[in-house]
C-alpha atoms as a PDB file:
ATOM      1  CA  MET A   1      23.746 -33.906-106.379  1.00  0.00           C
ATOM      2  CA  SER A   2      21.232 -36.229-104.706  1.00  0.00           C
ATOM      3  CA  LYS A   3      19.661 -39.017-106.727  1.00  0.00           C
ATOM      4  CA  VAL A   4      16.171 -38.772-108.163  1.00  0.00           C
ATOM      5  CA  TRP A   5      13.964 -41.758-107.369  1.00  0.00           C
ATOM      6  CA  PHE A   6      10.824 -42.572-109.362  1.00  0.00           C
ATOM      7  CA  ILE A   7       8.577 -44.825-107.270  1.00  0.00           C
ATOM      8  CA  THR A   8       5.278 -46.405-108.292  1.00  0.00           C
ATOM      9  CA  GLY A   9       2.691 -47.520-105.765  1.00  0.00           C
ATOM     10  CA  ALA A  10       3.934 -44.928-103.262  1.00  0.00           C
ATOM     11  CA  THR A  11       0.622 -44.174-101.576  1.00  0.00           C
ATOM     12  CA  ARG A  12       1.182 -46.726 -98.819  1.00  0.00           C
ATOM     13  CA  GLY A  13       3.108 -49.809 -97.793  1.00  0.00           C
ATOM     14  CA  ILE A  14       6.594 -50.524 -99.044  1.00  0.00           C
ATOM     15  CA  GLY A  15       6.423 -47.838-101.745  1.00  0.00           C
ATOM     16  CA  ALA A  16       5.614 -45.124 -99.220  1.00  0.00           C
ATOM     17  CA  GLU A  17       8.356 -46.312 -96.869  1.00  0.00           C
ATOM     18  CA  ILE A  18      10.912 -46.231 -99.681  1.00  0.00           C
ATOM     19  CA  ALA A  19       9.880 -42.681-100.541  1.00  0.00           C
ATOM     20  CA  LYS A  20      10.149 -41.619 -96.884  1.00  0.00           C
ATOM     21  CA  ALA A  21      13.588 -43.208 -96.545  1.00  0.00           C
ATOM     22  CA  VAL A  22      14.891 -41.484 -99.679  1.00  0.00           C
ATOM     23  CA  LEU A  23      13.585 -38.098 -98.540  1.00  0.00           C
ATOM     24  CA  ALA A  24      15.066 -38.592 -95.065  1.00  0.00           C
ATOM     25  CA  ASP A  25      18.396 -39.375 -96.742  1.00  0.00           C
ATOM     26  CA  GLY A  26      18.288 -36.099 -98.677  1.00  0.00           C
ATOM     27  CA  GLY A  27      17.232 -37.573-102.004  1.00  0.00           C
ATOM     28  CA  ARG A  28      14.585 -36.360-104.427  1.00  0.00           C
ATOM     29  CA  VAL A  29      11.470 -38.394-105.091  1.00  0.00           C
ATOM     30  CA  VAL A  30       8.846 -38.661-107.793  1.00  0.00           C
ATOM     31  CA  ALA A  31       6.183 -40.602-105.910  1.00  0.00           C
ATOM     32  CA  THR A  32       3.304 -41.950-107.922  1.00  0.00           C
ATOM     33  CA  GLY A  33      -0.051 -43.510-107.167  1.00  0.00           C
ATOM     34  CA  ARG A  34      -3.511 -43.500-108.654  1.00  0.00           C
ATOM     35  CA  SER A  35      -4.165 -40.246-106.771  1.00  0.00           C
ATOM     36  CA  ALA A  36      -1.496 -37.564-106.359  1.00  0.00           C
ATOM     37  CA  LYS A  37      -3.473 -36.145-103.438  1.00  0.00           C
ATOM     38  CA  ALA A  38      -3.323 -39.513-101.678  1.00  0.00           C
ATOM     39  CA  VAL A  39       0.432 -39.632-102.246  1.00  0.00           C
ATOM     40  CA  GLU A  40       0.821 -36.150-100.766  1.00  0.00           C
ATOM     41  CA  ALA A  41      -1.327 -37.128 -97.791  1.00  0.00           C
ATOM     42  CA  ALA A  42       0.869 -40.151 -97.150  1.00  0.00           C
ATOM     43  CA  LEU A  43       4.232 -38.437 -97.564  1.00  0.00           C
ATOM     44  CA  GLY A  44       3.606 -34.814 -96.561  1.00  0.00           C
ATOM     45  CA  ALA A  45       4.933 -31.664 -98.173  1.00  0.00           C
ATOM     46  CA  CYS A  46       8.566 -31.357 -99.248  1.00  0.00           C
ATOM     47  CA  ASP A  47      10.328 -29.366-101.955  1.00  0.00           C
ATOM     48  CA  ARG A  48      12.204 -32.539-102.925  1.00  0.00           C
ATOM     49  CA  LEU A  49       8.976 -34.449-103.502  1.00  0.00           C
ATOM     50  CA  LEU A  50       6.838 -34.494-106.635  1.00  0.00           C
ATOM     51  CA  ALA A  51       3.559 -36.405-106.314  1.00  0.00           C
ATOM     52  CA  VAL A  52       2.129 -37.579-109.625  1.00  0.00           C
ATOM     53  CA  SER A  53      -1.078 -39.426-110.453  1.00  0.00           C
ATOM     54  CA  LEU A  54      -0.242 -42.626-112.300  1.00  0.00           C
ATOM     55  CA  ASP A  55      -2.338 -45.681-113.039  1.00  0.00           C
ATOM     56  CA  VAL A  56       0.121 -48.137-114.567  1.00  0.00           C
ATOM     57  CA  ASN A  57      -2.737 -49.752-116.512  1.00  0.00           C
ATOM     58  CA  VAL A  58      -3.668 -46.595-118.437  1.00  0.00           C
ATOM     59  CA  ALA A  59      -1.847 -45.998-121.717  1.00  0.00           C
ATOM     60  CA  GLY A  60       0.045 -42.724-121.848  1.00  0.00           C
ATOM     61  CA  GLN A  61       0.130 -42.143-118.097  1.00  0.00           C
ATOM     62  CA  PRO A  62       3.624 -43.634-117.568  1.00  0.00           C
ATOM     63  CA  GLU A  63       5.052 -41.349-120.264  1.00  0.00           C
ATOM     64  CA  ALA A  64       3.258 -38.330-118.814  1.00  0.00           C
ATOM     65  CA  ALA A  65       4.588 -39.099-115.326  1.00  0.00           C
ATOM     66  CA  VAL A  66       8.133 -39.391-116.662  1.00  0.00           C
ATOM     67  CA  GLU A  67       7.767 -36.069-118.495  1.00  0.00           C
ATOM     68  CA  ALA A  68       6.636 -34.451-115.233  1.00  0.00           C
ATOM     69  CA  ALA A  69       9.632 -35.946-113.426  1.00  0.00           C
ATOM     70  CA  ILE A  70      12.111 -34.629-115.991  1.00  0.00           C
ATOM     71  CA  ALA A  71      10.459 -31.218-116.018  1.00  0.00           C
ATOM     72  CA  ARG A  72      10.820 -30.976-112.243  1.00  0.00           C
ATOM     73  CA  PHE A  73      14.176 -32.633-111.536  1.00  0.00           C
ATOM     74  CA  GLY A  74      15.893 -32.994-114.915  1.00  0.00           C
ATOM     75  CA  ARG A  75      16.716 -36.673-114.569  1.00  0.00           C
ATOM     76  CA  ILE A  76      15.768 -40.031-113.071  1.00  0.00           C
ATOM     77  CA  ASP A  77      18.424 -42.122-111.371  1.00  0.00           C
ATOM     78  CA  VAL A  78      16.471 -44.901-109.692  1.00  0.00           C
ATOM     79  CA  LEU A  79      13.199 -46.502-110.768  1.00  0.00           C
ATOM     80  CA  VAL A  80      11.276 -48.587-108.240  1.00  0.00           C
ATOM     81  CA  ASN A  81       8.468 -50.596-109.832  1.00  0.00           C
ATOM     82  CA  ASN A  82       6.433 -51.261-106.715  1.00  0.00           C
ATOM     83  CA  ALA A  83       2.810 -50.956-107.877  1.00  0.00           C
ATOM     84  CA  GLY A  84       0.943 -54.230-107.654  1.00  0.00           C
ATOM     85  CA  TYR A  85      -1.499 -56.334-105.668  1.00  0.00           C
ATOM     86  CA  GLY A  86      -2.236 -59.941-104.771  1.00  0.00           C
ATOM     87  CA  LEU A  87      -4.975 -62.156-106.162  1.00  0.00           C
ATOM     88  CA  VAL A  88      -5.967 -65.111-103.967  1.00  0.00           C
ATOM     89  CA  GLY A  89      -7.821 -68.124-105.302  1.00  0.00           C
ATOM     90  CA  ALA A  90      -7.392 -71.326-107.288  1.00  0.00           C
ATOM     91  CA  LEU A  91      -6.803 -71.069-111.024  1.00  0.00           C
ATOM     92  CA  GLU A  92     -10.181 -72.648-111.743  1.00  0.00           C
ATOM     93  CA  GLU A  93     -11.835 -70.032-109.528  1.00  0.00           C
ATOM     94  CA  TYR A  94     -10.417 -67.028-111.380  1.00  0.00           C
ATOM     95  CA  SER A  95     -12.552 -65.284-113.939  1.00  0.00           C
ATOM     96  CA  PRO A  96     -10.731 -64.245-117.133  1.00  0.00           C
ATOM     97  CA  LYS A  97     -11.155 -60.634-116.019  1.00  0.00           C
ATOM     98  CA  GLU A  98      -9.600 -61.270-112.597  1.00  0.00           C
ATOM     99  CA  LEU A  99      -6.590 -63.057-114.047  1.00  0.00           C
ATOM    100  CA  ALA A 100      -6.094 -60.485-116.814  1.00  0.00           C
ATOM    101  CA  ALA A 101      -6.227 -57.630-114.300  1.00  0.00           C
ATOM    102  CA  GLN A 102      -3.587 -59.334-112.140  1.00  0.00           C
ATOM    103  CA  MET A 103      -1.197 -59.715-115.061  1.00  0.00           C
ATOM    104  CA  SER A 104      -1.992 -56.232-116.363  1.00  0.00           C
ATOM    105  CA  THR A 105      -1.014 -54.475-113.147  1.00  0.00           C
ATOM    106  CA  ASN A 106       1.823 -56.655-111.887  1.00  0.00           C
ATOM    107  CA  LEU A 107       3.528 -57.352-115.207  1.00  0.00           C
ATOM    108  CA  LEU A 108       2.299 -55.181-118.069  1.00  0.00           C
ATOM    109  CA  GLY A 109       2.102 -52.071-115.898  1.00  0.00           C
ATOM    110  CA  LEU A 110       5.649 -52.645-114.703  1.00  0.00           C
ATOM    111  CA  ALA A 111       6.795 -53.083-118.292  1.00  0.00           C
ATOM    112  CA  ALA A 112       5.014 -49.910-119.409  1.00  0.00           C
ATOM    113  CA  VAL A 113       6.617 -47.778-116.696  1.00  0.00           C
ATOM    114  CA  THR A 114      10.036 -49.292-117.371  1.00  0.00           C
ATOM    115  CA  LYS A 115       9.741 -48.581-121.099  1.00  0.00           C
ATOM    116  CA  ALA A 116       8.767 -44.987-120.334  1.00  0.00           C
ATOM    117  CA  VAL A 117      11.819 -44.465-118.103  1.00  0.00           C
ATOM    118  CA  LEU A 118      14.418 -46.327-120.179  1.00  0.00           C
ATOM    119  CA  PRO A 119      15.061 -43.580-122.788  1.00  0.00           C
ATOM    120  CA  THR A 120      16.098 -41.258-119.961  1.00  0.00           C
ATOM    121  CA  LEU A 121      18.386 -43.857-118.374  1.00  0.00           C
ATOM    122  CA  ARG A 122      19.925 -44.694-121.756  1.00  0.00           C
ATOM    123  CA  ALA A 123      20.618 -41.042-122.484  1.00  0.00           C
ATOM    124  CA  GLN A 124      22.274 -40.669-119.087  1.00  0.00           C
ATOM    125  CA  LYS A 125      24.174 -43.949-119.563  1.00  0.00           C
ATOM    126  CA  ALA A 126      23.370 -44.613-115.922  1.00  0.00           C
ATOM    127  CA  GLY A 127      20.516 -45.690-113.720  1.00  0.00           C
ATOM    128  CA  HIS A 128      19.191 -48.438-111.489  1.00  0.00           C
ATOM    129  CA  ILE A 129      15.881 -50.277-111.824  1.00  0.00           C
ATOM    130  CA  PHE A 130      14.359 -52.088-108.851  1.00  0.00           C
ATOM    131  CA  ASN A 131      11.552 -54.454-109.809  1.00  0.00           C
ATOM    132  CA  MET A 132       9.504 -55.669-106.867  1.00  0.00           C
ATOM    133  CA  SER A 133       8.896 -59.387-107.175  1.00  0.00           C
ATOM    134  CA  SER A 134       7.968 -61.570-104.210  1.00  0.00           C
ATOM    135  CA  ALA A 135       8.755 -64.810-102.452  1.00  0.00           C
ATOM    136  CA  ALA A 136       5.877 -65.974-104.677  1.00  0.00           C
ATOM    137  CA  GLY A 137       8.250 -65.336-107.573  1.00  0.00           C
ATOM    138  CA  LEU A 138      10.518 -68.053-106.148  1.00  0.00           C
ATOM    139  CA  ALA A 139       7.893 -70.752-105.687  1.00  0.00           C
ATOM    140  CA  GLY A 140       4.235 -71.297-106.416  1.00  0.00           C
ATOM    141  CA  PHE A 141       1.683 -71.714-103.657  1.00  0.00           C
ATOM    142  CA  ALA A 142      -1.838 -73.112-103.623  1.00  0.00           C
ATOM    143  CA  GLY A 143      -4.272 -70.228-103.919  1.00  0.00           C
ATOM    144  CA  ALA A 144      -1.690 -67.930-105.492  1.00  0.00           C
ATOM    145  CA  SER A 145      -1.395 -69.232-109.040  1.00  0.00           C
ATOM    146  CA  GLY A 146      -2.280 -65.888-110.622  1.00  0.00           C
ATOM    147  CA  TYR A 147      -0.085 -63.855-108.301  1.00  0.00           C
ATOM    148  CA  SER A 148       2.841 -66.258-108.624  1.00  0.00           C
ATOM    149  CA  ALA A 149       2.444 -66.275-112.394  1.00  0.00           C
ATOM    150  CA  SER A 150       2.716 -62.489-112.455  1.00  0.00           C
ATOM    151  CA  LYS A 151       5.810 -62.511-110.235  1.00  0.00           C
ATOM    152  CA  PHE A 152       7.497 -65.366-112.082  1.00  0.00           C
ATOM    153  CA  ALA A 153       6.963 -63.271-115.215  1.00  0.00           C
ATOM    154  CA  VAL A 154       8.491 -60.223-113.511  1.00  0.00           C
ATOM    155  CA  GLU A 155      11.541 -62.345-112.660  1.00  0.00           C
ATOM    156  CA  GLY A 156      12.007 -63.485-116.249  1.00  0.00           C
ATOM    157  CA  LEU A 157      11.421 -60.030-117.673  1.00  0.00           C
ATOM    158  CA  SER A 158      13.850 -58.466-115.218  1.00  0.00           C
ATOM    159  CA  GLU A 159      16.626 -60.997-115.726  1.00  0.00           C
ATOM    160  CA  SER A 160      16.439 -60.556-119.485  1.00  0.00           C
ATOM    161  CA  LEU A 161      16.195 -56.782-119.125  1.00  0.00           C
ATOM    162  CA  ALA A 162      19.318 -56.763-116.977  1.00  0.00           C
ATOM    163  CA  ALA A 163      21.284 -58.420-119.792  1.00  0.00           C
ATOM    164  CA  GLU A 164      19.875 -55.973-122.341  1.00  0.00           C
ATOM    165  CA  VAL A 165      20.682 -52.774-120.456  1.00  0.00           C
ATOM    166  CA  ALA A 166      23.946 -53.670-118.714  1.00  0.00           C
ATOM    167  CA  PRO A 167      26.039 -52.496-121.723  1.00  0.00           C
ATOM    168  CA  LEU A 168      24.111 -49.202-121.559  1.00  0.00           C
ATOM    169  CA  GLY A 169      25.171 -48.451-117.997  1.00  0.00           C
ATOM    170  CA  VAL A 170      21.838 -49.409-116.401  1.00  0.00           C
ATOM    171  CA  LYS A 171      21.557 -51.845-113.478  1.00  0.00           C
ATOM    172  CA  VAL A 172      18.594 -54.036-112.555  1.00  0.00           C
ATOM    173  CA  THR A 173      17.783 -55.597-109.192  1.00  0.00           C
ATOM    174  CA  ILE A 174      14.873 -57.958-108.552  1.00  0.00           C
ATOM    175  CA  VAL A 175      13.603 -57.590-104.986  1.00  0.00           C
ATOM    176  CA  GLU A 176      12.037 -60.727-103.500  1.00  0.00           C
ATOM    177  CA  PRO A 177      10.250 -59.856-100.234  1.00  0.00           C
ATOM    178  CA  GLY A 178       8.632 -62.324 -97.904  1.00  0.00           C
ATOM    179  CA  TYR A 179       5.860 -61.173 -95.570  1.00  0.00           C
ATOM    180  CA  PHE A 180       6.154 -57.507 -94.549  1.00  0.00           C
ATOM    181  CA  ARG A 181       3.760 -55.689 -92.253  1.00  0.00           C
ATOM    182  CA  THR A 182       2.003 -53.434 -94.742  1.00  0.00           C
ATOM    183  CA  ASP A 183      -1.530 -52.959 -96.065  1.00  0.00           C
ATOM    184  CA  PHE A 184      -0.909 -55.618 -98.734  1.00  0.00           C
ATOM    185  CA  LEU A 185      -3.263 -58.152 -97.120  1.00  0.00           C
ATOM    186  CA  LYS A 186      -5.964 -55.700 -96.061  1.00  0.00           C
ATOM    187  CA  SER A 187      -9.417 -56.202 -97.532  1.00  0.00           C
ATOM    188  CA  ASP A 188      -9.130 -53.038 -99.638  1.00  0.00           C
ATOM    189  CA  SER A 189      -5.832 -54.186-101.141  1.00  0.00           C
ATOM    190  CA  VAL A 190      -5.769 -57.948-101.690  1.00  0.00           C
ATOM    191  CA  VAL A 191      -8.314 -59.354-104.145  1.00  0.00           C
ATOM    192  CA  PHE A 192     -10.069 -62.672-103.533  1.00  0.00           C
ATOM    193  CA  ALA A 193     -11.494 -64.590-106.488  1.00  0.00           C
ATOM    194  CA  GLN A 194     -15.234 -64.096-106.463  1.00  0.00           C
ATOM    195  CA  ALA A 195     -15.946 -67.717-107.302  1.00  0.00           C
ATOM    196  CA  GLU A 196     -15.274 -70.333-104.639  1.00  0.00           C
ATOM    197  CA  ILE A 197     -15.264 -74.025-105.535  1.00  0.00           C
ATOM    198  CA  ALA A 198     -15.761 -76.438-102.658  1.00  0.00           C
ATOM    199  CA  ALA A 199     -13.198 -78.896-104.026  1.00  0.00           C
ATOM    200  CA  TYR A 200     -10.449 -76.342-103.336  1.00  0.00           C
ATOM    201  CA  GLU A 201     -11.466 -75.658 -99.736  1.00  0.00           C
ATOM    202  CA  ALA A 202      -8.354 -77.359 -98.356  1.00  0.00           C
ATOM    203  CA  THR A 203      -5.966 -75.513-100.686  1.00  0.00           C
ATOM    204  CA  ALA A 204      -7.189 -72.183-102.049  1.00  0.00           C
ATOM    205  CA  GLY A 205      -9.645 -71.964 -99.166  1.00  0.00           C
ATOM    206  CA  GLU A 206      -6.798 -72.312 -96.695  1.00  0.00           C
ATOM    207  CA  ALA A 207      -4.871 -69.628 -98.607  1.00  0.00           C
ATOM    208  CA  ARG A 208      -7.805 -67.252 -98.095  1.00  0.00           C
ATOM    209  CA  ARG A 209      -7.872 -67.983 -94.365  1.00  0.00           C
ATOM    210  CA  VAL A 210      -4.106 -67.579 -94.000  1.00  0.00           C
ATOM    211  CA  ALA A 211      -4.138 -64.271 -95.882  1.00  0.00           C
ATOM    212  CA  LYS A 212      -6.822 -62.878 -93.613  1.00  0.00           C
ATOM    213  CA  ALA A 213      -5.134 -64.150 -90.439  1.00  0.00           C
ATOM    214  CA  MET A 214      -1.690 -62.934 -91.524  1.00  0.00           C
ATOM    215  CA  ASN A 215      -2.820 -59.335 -92.023  1.00  0.00           C
ATOM    216  CA  GLY A 216      -1.167 -57.254 -89.319  1.00  0.00           C
ATOM    217  CA  ALA A 217       0.958 -60.174 -88.127  1.00  0.00           C
ATOM    218  CA  GLN A 218       3.666 -60.169 -90.817  1.00  0.00           C
ATOM    219  CA  GLY A 219       7.184 -60.297 -89.419  1.00  0.00           C
ATOM    220  CA  GLY A 220       9.012 -58.029 -91.876  1.00  0.00           C
ATOM    221  CA  ASP A 221       9.648 -54.333 -91.197  1.00  0.00           C
ATOM    222  CA  PRO A 222       9.027 -52.292 -94.379  1.00  0.00           C
ATOM    223  CA  ARG A 223      11.221 -49.468 -93.047  1.00  0.00           C
ATOM    224  CA  LYS A 224      14.202 -51.832 -92.967  1.00  0.00           C
ATOM    225  CA  LEU A 225      13.471 -52.954 -96.515  1.00  0.00           C
ATOM    226  CA  ALA A 226      13.369 -49.312 -97.610  1.00  0.00           C
ATOM    227  CA  LYS A 227      16.779 -48.682 -96.044  1.00  0.00           C
ATOM    228  CA  ALA A 228      18.109 -51.831 -97.702  1.00  0.00           C
ATOM    229  CA  LEU A 229      17.182 -50.405-101.100  1.00  0.00           C
ATOM    230  CA  LEU A 230      19.151 -47.263-100.283  1.00  0.00           C
ATOM    231  CA  THR A 231      22.151 -49.472 -99.554  1.00  0.00           C
ATOM    232  CA  LEU A 232      21.720 -51.396-102.801  1.00  0.00           C
ATOM    233  CA  ALA A 233      21.295 -48.196-104.821  1.00  0.00           C
ATOM    234  CA  ALA A 234      24.623 -46.936-103.471  1.00  0.00           C
ATOM    235  CA  ALA A 235      26.485 -50.172-104.255  1.00  0.00           C
ATOM    236  CA  ASP A 236      28.926 -50.306-107.148  1.00  0.00           C
ATOM    237  CA  ASN A 237      27.917 -53.884-107.938  1.00  0.00           C
ATOM    238  CA  PRO A 238      24.360 -54.449-106.705  1.00  0.00           C
ATOM    239  CA  PRO A 239      22.870 -57.937-106.930  1.00  0.00           C
ATOM    240  CA  LEU A 240      20.575 -59.072-109.702  1.00  0.00           C
ATOM    241  CA  ARG A 241      18.347 -60.562-107.008  1.00  0.00           C
ATOM    242  CA  PHE A 242      17.874 -59.455-103.409  1.00  0.00           C
ATOM    243  CA  LEU A 243      16.072 -61.673-100.912  1.00  0.00           C
ATOM    244  CA  ALA A 244      14.209 -59.600 -98.330  1.00  0.00           C
ATOM    245  CA  GLY A 245      13.408 -61.303 -95.056  1.00  0.00           C
ATOM    246  CA  ALA A 246      14.322 -64.524 -93.289  1.00  0.00           C
ATOM    247  CA  ASP A 247      11.240 -66.239 -94.719  1.00  0.00           C
ATOM    248  CA  ALA A 248      12.354 -65.438 -98.269  1.00  0.00           C
ATOM    249  CA  VAL A 249      15.870 -66.732 -97.542  1.00  0.00           C
ATOM    250  CA  GLY A 250      14.472 -69.943 -96.059  1.00  0.00           C
ATOM    251  CA  LEU A 251      12.178 -70.447 -99.024  1.00  0.00           C
ATOM    252  CA  LEU A 252      15.031 -70.112-101.512  1.00  0.00           C
ATOM    253  CA  ASP A 253      17.080 -72.663 -99.569  1.00  0.00           C
ATOM    254  CA  HIS A 254      14.134 -75.071 -99.745  1.00  0.00           C
ATOM    255  CA  VAL A 255      13.514 -74.432-103.450  1.00  0.00           C
ATOM    256  CA  LEU A 256      17.149 -74.992-104.402  1.00  0.00           C
ATOM    257  CA  SER A 257      17.478 -78.208-102.407  1.00  0.00           C
ATOM    258  CA  THR A 258      14.216 -79.754-103.602  1.00  0.00           C
ATOM    259  CA  ARG A 259      14.796 -78.831-107.239  1.00  0.00           C
ATOM    260  CA  ARG A 260      18.287 -80.284-107.154  1.00  0.00           C
ATOM    261  CA  ALA A 261      17.015 -83.489-105.548  1.00  0.00           C
ATOM    262  CA  GLU A 262      14.238 -83.852-108.129  1.00  0.00           C
ATOM    263  CA  ALA A 263      16.608 -83.130-111.021  1.00  0.00           C
ATOM    264  CA  ASP A 264      19.016 -85.788-109.757  1.00  0.00           C
ATOM    265  CA  VAL A 265      16.264 -88.433-109.574  1.00  0.00           C
ATOM    266  CA  TRP A 266      15.351 -87.878-113.225  1.00  0.00           C
ATOM    267  CA  ARG A 267      18.810 -86.933-114.529  1.00  0.00           C
ATOM    268  CA  ASP A 268      19.354 -90.021-116.666  1.00  0.00           C
ATOM    269  CA  LEU A 269      16.029 -89.581-118.444  1.00  0.00           C
ATOM    270  CA  SER A 270      16.679 -85.863-118.912  1.00  0.00           C
ATOM    271  CA  LEU A 271      20.048 -86.582-120.527  1.00  0.00           C
ATOM    272  CA  ALA A 272      18.676 -89.275-122.859  1.00  0.00           C
ATOM    273  CA  MET A 273      17.030 -86.831-125.277  1.00  0.00           C
ATOM    274  CA  ALA A 274      19.683 -86.664-128.006  1.00  0.00           C
ATOM    275  CA  LEU A 275      19.085 -88.001-131.514  1.00  0.00           C
ATOM    276  CA  ASP A 276      20.634 -91.442-132.004  1.00  0.00           C
END
């Protein structure tokens, strides 16, 4: 029997490509987005597809979407937490509302959907959770403090979750994409902090300019990432973390080398913390 995939943020971008890849492979898909009609428009009609309206920020909607999935297909084998967006700006430029909304969608929404799906996976004693992080979950960047904070939090949540559910037969993989050519940086997707402070023109201001210039010029192919997830879902021992794209791989190499070098410089002081 083909696997049942539950995918959030499936209206466009990476989420839609994952749904298309699963359907092309013969799998069954519960594709969610804020509008079920928009999901259907993006993915087309198929008897192995269930489109469900789901706003991950609205209490009760994750549970209702899971109930609809079980009613239609009887199980959920793979959860892909893909819903999210980017917030660009310096920390001082963010309003409390902007920062709270970023964390609500990218972290709390992911947690809510995961909690709604976990009872099903536990009962089955099997399942695989893919949590979409980012290269911004590997390192912080000027102009991305809110977005990086949300993705660093996803990394910590996911790593701890993996340890919690491994004895229950459930696997967790954190996906860390670099730049992929999707709608992620389009003006109706990315959010720019409304306040702009001149002092941050060279840092957060540059991040705004790069985001706008990068839209449509990203080097990653979302269709290849979708196929990679199919490969990982079929693996007996999938990784806890999966780097997606040469830019993500290069960033990790840089992060590891610079952190090791910094730790070595301050090693003696770090080790001198014991009580005499």
